[in-house]
């Protein structure tokens, strides 16, 4: 695997359509912009020195000491599994650092994909409950 220097930036409005394409590729129903924290701006994009984009994800804030990390998605054009794995680890680390800066004490996430679950475990997360169903209701 070639060595890649990853960086991260805050998401910008123009990222939304790209993320919709990425979610759609993985057959994940793209959330509406208003479903995303700060209408899609409260998240991070991992990139490299050549501005190639690798993955993105979001942090939902709460009024407690818990925030929610969610909607992690990788660029489907990144075919190198090791590179994709490391970019996801970096994203989880960057979002964790951001949550710490915001003075959260816990991060909650709901993960279905085993590979992504493994990336969370790589970054110090613990497995909570298993076999649960996510429930959502639009008002």
Protein backbone atom coordinates (compact mmCIF):
# COMPACT_ATOMS: atom_id res chain seq x y z
CA UNK A 1 0.00 0.00 0.00
CA UNK A 2 1.35 3.40 -0.88
CA UNK A 3 1.59 5.90 1.97
CA UNK A 4 -1.13 8.52 1.81
CA UNK A 5 -1.19 11.64 3.96
CA UNK A 6 -4.85 12.07 4.84
CA UNK A 7 -6.44 15.31 5.90
CA UNK A 8 -9.98 16.23 6.84
CA UNK A 9 -12.18 19.23 6.20
CA UNK A 10 -15.65 20.29 7.19
CA UNK A 11 -18.33 19.37 4.69
CA UNK A 12 -19.57 22.12 2.38
CA UNK A 13 -22.97 22.39 0.64
CA UNK A 14 -21.52 21.13 -2.66
CA UNK A 15 -20.60 17.80 -1.04
CA UNK A 16 -24.21 16.72 -0.60
CA UNK A 17 -24.82 15.56 -4.19
CA UNK A 18 -21.56 13.58 -4.14
CA UNK A 19 -22.58 11.87 -0.89
CA UNK A 20 -25.97 11.03 -2.40
CA UNK A 21 -24.14 9.26 -5.24
CA UNK A 22 -21.95 7.36 -2.78
CA UNK A 23 -24.89 6.27 -0.59
CA UNK A 24 -26.86 5.27 -3.69
CA UNK A 25 -23.96 3.16 -4.97
CA UNK A 26 -24.09 1.15 -1.71
CA UNK A 27 -27.90 0.88 -2.01
CA UNK A 28 -28.34 3.01 1.13
CA UNK A 29 -31.32 5.38 0.92
CA UNK A 30 -29.76 8.87 0.83
CA UNK A 31 -31.08 10.99 3.69
CA UNK A 32 -32.71 14.29 2.84
CA UNK A 33 -30.47 17.28 3.47
CA UNK A 34 -32.70 18.42 6.35
CA UNK A 35 -32.18 15.03 8.04
CA UNK A 36 -28.44 15.73 8.28
CA UNK A 37 -26.93 17.74 11.14
CA UNK A 38 -26.77 21.42 10.23
CA UNK A 39 -28.29 20.47 6.85
CA UNK A 40 -25.23 18.44 5.92
CA UNK A 41 -22.50 20.78 7.15
CA UNK A 42 -21.78 19.13 10.51
CA UNK A 43 -19.54 16.43 9.16
CA UNK A 44 -16.10 15.79 7.72
CA UNK A 45 -14.59 14.70 4.43
CA UNK A 46 -11.28 12.80 4.35
CA UNK A 47 -9.04 13.74 1.43
CA UNK A 48 -5.39 13.55 0.37
CA UNK A 49 -2.79 16.08 -0.81
CA UNK A 50 -4.12 15.78 -4.37
CA UNK A 51 -7.68 16.56 -3.20
CA UNK A 52 -8.90 13.01 -3.83
CA UNK A 53 -11.88 12.41 -1.55
CA UNK A 54 -12.09 9.09 0.31
CA UNK A 55 -14.96 9.08 2.80
CA UNK A 56 -17.26 11.28 4.87
CA UNK A 57 -19.42 11.12 7.96
CA UNK A 58 -21.43 13.19 10.41
CA UNK A 59 -21.71 14.10 14.07
CA UNK A 60 -25.14 14.81 15.51
CA UNK A 61 -25.05 16.96 18.64
CA UNK A 62 -27.31 16.46 21.65
CA UNK A 63 -27.99 18.38 24.84
CA UNK A 64 -26.28 15.64 26.86
CA UNK A 65 -22.68 14.41 27.01
CA UNK A 66 -23.44 11.99 24.14
CA UNK A 67 -23.14 12.76 20.43
CA UNK A 68 -24.04 10.49 17.54
CA UNK A 69 -21.60 9.54 14.74
CA UNK A 70 -23.48 8.36 11.72
CA UNK A 71 -23.93 8.06 7.97
CA UNK A 72 -20.30 7.12 7.32
CA UNK A 73 -19.79 6.47 3.62
CA UNK A 74 -16.73 5.66 1.49
CA UNK A 75 -16.07 6.81 -2.04
CA UNK A 76 -16.92 3.75 -4.20
CA UNK A 77 -14.19 4.73 -6.68
CA UNK A 78 -11.55 3.88 -4.07
CA UNK A 79 -10.95 0.23 -5.00
CA UNK A 80 -7.83 -0.39 -2.88
CA UNK A 81 -9.23 -2.06 0.24
CA UNK A 82 -6.28 -1.10 2.45
CA UNK A 83 -6.52 2.55 1.43
CA UNK A 84 -10.29 2.56 1.97
CA UNK A 85 -9.85 0.89 5.38
CA UNK A 86 -7.24 3.41 6.53
CA UNK A 87 -9.28 6.39 5.27
CA UNK A 88 -12.29 5.16 7.26
CA UNK A 89 -10.12 4.77 10.37
CA UNK A 90 -8.89 8.31 9.88
CA UNK A 91 -12.43 9.62 9.49
CA UNK A 92 -13.55 7.93 12.71
CA UNK A 93 -10.50 9.36 14.50
CA UNK A 94 -11.13 12.88 13.14
CA UNK A 95 -14.80 12.79 14.13
CA UNK A 96 -13.85 11.42 17.57
CA UNK A 97 -11.37 14.26 18.06
CA UNK A 98 -14.04 16.76 17.04
CA UNK A 99 -16.50 15.26 19.54
CA UNK A 100 -13.83 15.53 22.24
CA UNK A 101 -13.18 19.18 21.32
CA UNK A 102 -16.93 19.79 21.69
CA UNK A 103 -16.64 18.27 25.19
CA UNK A 104 -18.74 15.17 24.58
CA UNK A 105 -17.92 12.21 26.79
CA UNK A 106 -19.53 9.48 24.70
CA UNK A 107 -20.11 8.77 21.02
CA UNK A 108 -22.99 6.56 19.95
CA UNK A 109 -23.23 4.98 16.52
CA UNK A 110 -25.35 2.36 14.83
CA UNK A 111 -23.44 0.19 12.37
CA UNK A 112 -24.74 -2.63 10.20
CA UNK A 113 -21.79 -3.32 7.87
CA UNK A 114 -19.23 -5.69 9.46
CA UNK A 115 -16.26 -3.98 7.80
CA UNK A 116 -17.29 -0.59 9.16
CA UNK A 117 -17.94 -2.16 12.57
CA UNK A 118 -14.36 -3.41 12.50
CA UNK A 119 -13.08 0.10 11.71
CA UNK A 120 -14.95 1.42 14.77
CA UNK A 121 -13.43 -1.34 16.90
CA UNK A 122 -9.97 -0.43 15.51
CA UNK A 123 -10.54 3.10 16.81
CA UNK A 124 -11.41 2.13 20.37
CA UNK A 125 -15.18 1.73 20.18
CA UNK A 126 -16.83 -1.08 22.11
CA UNK A 127 -19.61 -3.26 20.81
CA UNK A 128 -22.89 -2.46 22.53
CA UNK A 129 -26.12 -4.26 21.76
CA UNK A 130 -26.51 -6.52 18.74
CA UNK A 131 -29.55 -7.63 16.79
CA UNK A 132 -31.44 -4.37 17.22
CA UNK A 133 -33.59 -2.59 14.67
CA UNK A 134 -33.27 1.08 13.91
CA UNK A 135 -36.57 2.88 14.01
CA UNK A 136 -37.36 6.23 12.44
CA UNK A 137 -40.51 8.30 12.05
CA UNK A 138 -40.84 11.38 9.90
CA UNK A 139 -43.14 13.94 11.47
